[in-house]
């Protein structure tokens, strides 16, 4: 992975973490207002992968998952200690 790709992936990751932090800590339930559309993270065909397993497919499914998580666990805080970029199953520190 070249440095430019790594920087782009890191920017996307930070944008997603920021979005999740806002969903978990701000009172508004209008999740769409938290999305930074400039990043292009939330496409219609988005897939959320955890530990190599696809757990959510599609933007509306992701929003449904967030609503369920929020109703169960609100409020939450996210603190980032490190960001690891997984490219072709090789963990590269961004």
N, C-alpha and C. Protein backbone atom coordinates (compact mmCIF):
# COMPACT_ATOMS: atom_id res chain seq x y z
N UNK A 1 0.86 -1.17 0.00
CA UNK A 1 0.00 0.00 0.00
C UNK A 1 0.90 1.22 0.00
N UNK A 2 0.67 2.11 -0.94
CA UNK A 2 1.50 3.30 -0.98
C UNK A 2 1.02 4.34 0.03
N UNK A 3 1.83 5.34 0.25
CA UNK A 3 1.54 6.34 1.28
C UNK A 3 0.25 7.10 1.00
N UNK A 4 -0.02 7.41 -0.27
CA UNK A 4 -1.25 8.13 -0.63
C UNK A 4 -2.49 7.31 -0.29
N UNK A 5 -2.47 6.02 -0.62
CA UNK A 5 -3.60 5.14 -0.30
C UNK A 5 -3.77 5.00 1.21
N UNK A 6 -2.66 4.88 1.90
CA UNK A 6 -2.70 4.77 3.36
C UNK A 6 -3.31 6.03 3.98
N UNK A 7 -2.93 7.19 3.47
CA UNK A 7 -3.48 8.45 3.98
C UNK A 7 -4.97 8.56 3.70
N UNK A 8 -5.38 8.12 2.51
CA UNK A 8 -6.80 8.15 2.16
C UNK A 8 -7.60 7.21 3.07
N UNK A 9 -7.08 6.01 3.29
CA UNK A 9 -7.76 5.06 4.16
C UNK A 9 -7.83 5.59 5.59
N UNK A 10 -6.76 6.21 6.04
CA UNK A 10 -6.76 6.79 7.39
C UNK A 10 -7.81 7.90 7.50
N UNK A 11 -7.92 8.74 6.48
CA UNK A 11 -8.91 9.82 6.48
C UNK A 11 -10.33 9.26 6.53
N UNK A 12 -10.59 8.21 5.75
CA UNK A 12 -11.90 7.57 5.76
C UNK A 12 -12.20 6.97 7.13
N UNK A 13 -11.20 6.32 7.71
CA UNK A 13 -11.37 5.70 9.03
C UNK A 13 -11.67 6.75 10.08
N UNK A 14 -10.93 7.84 10.07
CA UNK A 14 -11.16 8.92 11.03
C UNK A 14 -12.55 9.53 10.85
N UNK A 15 -13.00 9.64 9.59
CA UNK A 15 -14.35 10.17 9.32
C UNK A 15 -15.43 9.25 9.87
N UNK A 16 -15.24 7.93 9.72
CA UNK A 16 -16.20 6.97 10.25
C UNK A 16 -16.22 7.00 11.78
N UNK A 17 -15.05 7.07 12.38
CA UNK A 17 -14.97 7.15 13.84
C UNK A 17 -15.65 8.41 14.35
N UNK A 18 -15.44 9.53 13.66
CA UNK A 18 -16.11 10.78 14.03
C UNK A 18 -17.62 10.65 13.93
N UNK A 19 -18.09 10.02 12.85
CA UNK A 19 -19.52 9.79 12.66
C UNK A 19 -20.09 8.95 13.81
N UNK A 20 -19.42 7.84 14.12
CA UNK A 20 -19.90 6.96 15.19
C UNK A 20 -19.88 7.67 16.55
N UNK A 21 -18.90 8.50 16.77
CA UNK A 21 -18.83 9.26 18.01
C UNK A 21 -20.01 10.22 18.11
N UNK A 22 -20.34 10.89 17.01
CA UNK A 22 -21.49 11.80 17.01
C UNK A 22 -22.80 11.07 17.24
N UNK A 23 -22.98 9.94 16.58
CA UNK A 23 -24.21 9.16 16.76
C UNK A 23 -24.37 8.76 18.22
N UNK A 24 -23.27 8.42 18.87
CA UNK A 24 -23.32 7.94 20.25
C UNK A 24 -23.36 9.00 21.31
N UNK A 25 -23.08 10.25 20.95
CA UNK A 25 -23.00 11.25 22.01
C UNK A 25 -23.94 12.45 21.83
N UNK A 26 -24.42 12.69 20.63
CA UNK A 26 -25.28 13.85 20.40
C UNK A 26 -26.74 13.46 20.50
N UNK A 27 -27.54 14.40 20.93
CA UNK A 27 -28.96 14.13 21.18
C UNK A 27 -29.77 13.85 19.91
N UNK A 28 -29.42 14.50 18.81
CA UNK A 28 -30.20 14.36 17.58
C UNK A 28 -30.19 12.92 17.09
N UNK A 29 -31.34 12.45 16.63
CA UNK A 29 -31.44 11.11 16.06
C UNK A 29 -31.46 11.16 14.54
N UNK A 30 -31.19 12.34 13.97
CA UNK A 30 -31.11 12.46 12.52
C UNK A 30 -29.68 12.12 12.10
N UNK A 31 -29.41 10.83 11.90
CA UNK A 31 -28.06 10.36 11.62
C UNK A 31 -27.48 10.98 10.36
N UNK A 32 -28.34 11.31 9.42
CA UNK A 32 -27.85 11.85 8.16
C UNK A 32 -27.12 13.18 8.35
N UNK A 33 -27.47 13.93 9.39
CA UNK A 33 -26.79 15.20 9.60
C UNK A 33 -25.35 15.01 10.08
N UNK A 34 -25.01 13.84 10.54
CA UNK A 34 -23.65 13.57 11.02
C UNK A 34 -22.71 13.10 9.91
N UNK A 35 -23.26 12.82 8.75
CA UNK A 35 -22.45 12.24 7.68
C UNK A 35 -21.71 13.33 6.92
N UNK A 36 -20.40 13.18 6.83
CA UNK A 36 -19.58 14.07 6.02
C UNK A 36 -19.59 13.50 4.61
N UNK A 37 -20.43 14.06 3.75
CA UNK A 37 -20.58 13.51 2.40
C UNK A 37 -19.32 13.68 1.56
N UNK A 38 -18.44 14.58 1.95
CA UNK A 38 -17.19 14.77 1.20
C UNK A 38 -16.31 13.53 1.26
N UNK A 39 -16.44 12.73 2.30
CA UNK A 39 -15.60 11.55 2.44
C UNK A 39 -16.06 10.39 1.56
N UNK A 40 -17.33 10.36 1.20
CA UNK A 40 -17.85 9.29 0.36
C UNK A 40 -17.91 7.94 1.06
N UNK A 41 -18.01 7.95 2.38
CA UNK A 41 -18.02 6.70 3.13
C UNK A 41 -19.31 5.92 2.91
N UNK A 42 -20.41 6.60 2.98
CA UNK A 42 -21.71 5.92 3.01
C UNK A 42 -22.35 5.84 1.63
N UNK A 43 -21.89 4.89 0.86
CA UNK A 43 -22.46 4.61 -0.45
C UNK A 43 -23.64 3.65 -0.26
N UNK A 44 -24.50 3.57 -1.25
CA UNK A 44 -25.68 2.70 -1.16
C UNK A 44 -25.29 1.24 -0.93
N UNK A 45 -24.15 0.81 -1.45
CA UNK A 45 -23.76 -0.59 -1.36
C UNK A 45 -22.71 -0.84 -0.26
N UNK A 46 -22.69 0.01 0.75
CA UNK A 46 -21.71 -0.13 1.83
C UNK A 46 -21.83 -1.49 2.50
N UNK A 47 -20.72 -2.03 2.91
CA UNK A 47 -20.70 -3.28 3.67
C UNK A 47 -19.87 -3.04 4.93
N UNK A 48 -20.38 -3.46 6.07
CA UNK A 48 -19.66 -3.33 7.33
C UNK A 48 -19.08 -4.70 7.66
N UNK A 49 -17.77 -4.74 7.81
CA UNK A 49 -17.04 -5.98 8.06
C UNK A 49 -16.44 -5.92 9.46
N UNK A 50 -16.65 -6.96 10.24
CA UNK A 50 -16.02 -7.08 11.55
C UNK A 50 -15.35 -8.43 11.63
N UNK A 51 -14.06 -8.41 11.92
CA UNK A 51 -13.28 -9.64 12.03
C UNK A 51 -13.42 -10.54 10.80
N UNK A 52 -13.42 -9.89 9.63
CA UNK A 52 -13.48 -10.63 8.38
C UNK A 52 -14.86 -11.12 7.98
N UNK A 53 -15.89 -10.82 8.77
CA UNK A 53 -17.25 -11.28 8.48
C UNK A 53 -18.15 -10.08 8.17
N UNK A 54 -18.88 -10.16 7.06
CA UNK A 54 -19.80 -9.10 6.70
C UNK A 54 -21.01 -9.17 7.64
N UNK A 55 -21.24 -8.08 8.37
CA UNK A 55 -22.35 -8.08 9.32
C UNK A 55 -23.50 -7.17 8.87
N UNK A 56 -23.22 -6.22 7.98
CA UNK A 56 -24.26 -5.34 7.47
C UNK A 56 -23.96 -5.05 6.00
N UNK A 57 -24.99 -5.09 5.18
CA UNK A 57 -24.83 -4.79 3.75
C UNK A 57 -25.89 -3.77 3.35
N UNK A 58 -25.46 -2.63 2.85
CA UNK A 58 -26.36 -1.59 2.37
C UNK A 58 -26.53 -0.46 3.37
N UNK A 59 -26.71 0.75 2.84
CA UNK A 59 -26.80 1.95 3.67
C UNK A 59 -27.98 1.91 4.62
N UNK A 60 -29.15 1.51 4.15
CA UNK A 60 -30.33 1.49 5.03
C UNK A 60 -30.16 0.45 6.15
N UNK A 61 -29.50 -0.67 5.84
CA UNK A 61 -29.24 -1.69 6.87
C UNK A 61 -28.26 -1.15 7.92
N UNK A 62 -27.29 -0.36 7.48
CA UNK A 62 -26.35 0.25 8.42
C UNK A 62 -27.07 1.23 9.35
N UNK A 63 -27.95 2.05 8.79
CA UNK A 63 -28.71 2.98 9.63
C UNK A 63 -29.59 2.23 10.62
N UNK A 64 -30.22 1.14 10.19
CA UNK A 64 -31.03 0.34 11.11
C UNK A 64 -30.18 -0.22 12.24
N UNK A 65 -28.97 -0.70 11.91
CA UNK A 65 -28.08 -1.22 12.94
C UNK A 65 -27.70 -0.12 13.93
N UNK A 66 -27.42 1.07 13.43
CA UNK A 66 -27.06 2.19 14.31
C UNK A 66 -28.22 2.58 15.22
N UNK A 67 -29.42 2.57 14.69
CA UNK A 67 -30.59 2.89 15.51
C UNK A 67 -30.76 1.87 16.62
N UNK A 68 -30.58 0.60 16.30
CA UNK A 68 -30.69 -0.45 17.32
C UNK A 68 -29.59 -0.32 18.37
N UNK A 69 -28.37 -0.06 17.93
CA UNK A 69 -27.26 0.10 18.87
C UNK A 69 -27.48 1.30 19.77
N UNK A 70 -27.97 2.38 19.18
CA UNK A 70 -28.20 3.60 19.95
C UNK A 70 -29.29 3.40 20.98
N UNK A 71 -30.37 2.71 20.61
CA UNK A 71 -31.45 2.49 21.57
C UNK A 71 -31.00 1.60 22.72
N UNK A 72 -30.00 0.74 22.47
CA UNK A 72 -29.49 -0.15 23.49
C UNK A 72 -28.40 0.49 24.35
N UNK A 73 -27.50 1.25 23.72
CA UNK A 73 -26.27 1.67 24.42
C UNK A 73 -26.06 3.17 24.56
N UNK A 74 -26.97 4.01 24.09
CA UNK A 74 -26.76 5.46 24.14
C UNK A 74 -26.65 5.94 25.57
N UNK A 75 -25.79 6.83 25.91
CA UNK A 75 -24.74 7.44 25.09
C UNK A 75 -23.45 6.63 25.15
N UNK A 76 -22.57 6.89 24.20
CA UNK A 76 -21.25 6.27 24.22
C UNK A 76 -20.20 7.28 23.77
N UNK A 77 -18.97 6.99 24.13
CA UNK A 77 -17.82 7.80 23.71
C UNK A 77 -16.82 6.88 23.01
N UNK A 78 -16.16 7.41 22.04
CA UNK A 78 -15.13 6.66 21.33
C UNK A 78 -13.81 7.39 21.51
N UNK A 79 -12.81 6.66 21.97
CA UNK A 79 -11.45 7.20 22.08
C UNK A 79 -10.56 6.36 21.18
N UNK A 80 -9.88 7.00 20.28
CA UNK A 80 -9.00 6.30 19.35
C UNK A 80 -7.59 6.28 19.91
N UNK A 81 -7.04 5.08 20.04
CA UNK A 81 -5.67 4.93 20.50
C UNK A 81 -4.73 4.66 19.33
N UNK A 82 -5.20 3.94 18.33
CA UNK A 82 -4.38 3.62 17.18
C UNK A 82 -5.32 3.24 16.04
N UNK A 83 -4.87 3.46 14.83
CA UNK A 83 -5.63 3.07 13.64
C UNK A 83 -4.74 2.13 12.84
N UNK A 84 -5.25 0.96 12.58
CA UNK A 84 -4.52 -0.03 11.79
C UNK A 84 -5.25 -0.21 10.46
N UNK A 85 -4.52 -0.17 9.38
CA UNK A 85 -5.09 -0.35 8.04
C UNK A 85 -4.88 -1.79 7.61
N UNK A 86 -5.96 -2.49 7.31
CA UNK A 86 -5.86 -3.88 6.89
C UNK A 86 -6.01 -3.92 5.37
N UNK A 87 -4.92 -4.16 4.71
CA UNK A 87 -4.93 -4.23 3.26
C UNK A 87 -4.40 -5.60 2.87
N UNK A 88 -5.24 -6.36 2.21
CA UNK A 88 -4.87 -7.71 1.80
C UNK A 88 -4.36 -8.53 2.99
N UNK A 89 -5.07 -8.39 4.12
CA UNK A 89 -4.79 -9.11 5.35
C UNK A 89 -3.39 -8.84 5.89
N UNK A 90 -2.83 -7.72 5.52
CA UNK A 90 -1.56 -7.27 6.08
C UNK A 90 -1.87 -6.04 6.91
N UNK A 91 -1.58 -6.08 8.16
CA UNK A 91 -1.86 -4.95 9.04
C UNK A 91 -0.74 -3.94 8.92
N UNK A 92 -1.10 -2.76 8.50
CA UNK A 92 -0.13 -1.69 8.29
C UNK A 92 -0.55 -0.52 9.15
N UNK A 93 0.33 -0.04 9.98
CA UNK A 93 0.01 1.12 10.79
C UNK A 93 -0.08 2.34 9.89
N UNK A 94 -1.20 3.03 9.97
CA UNK A 94 -1.37 4.24 9.17
C UNK A 94 -0.56 5.36 9.78
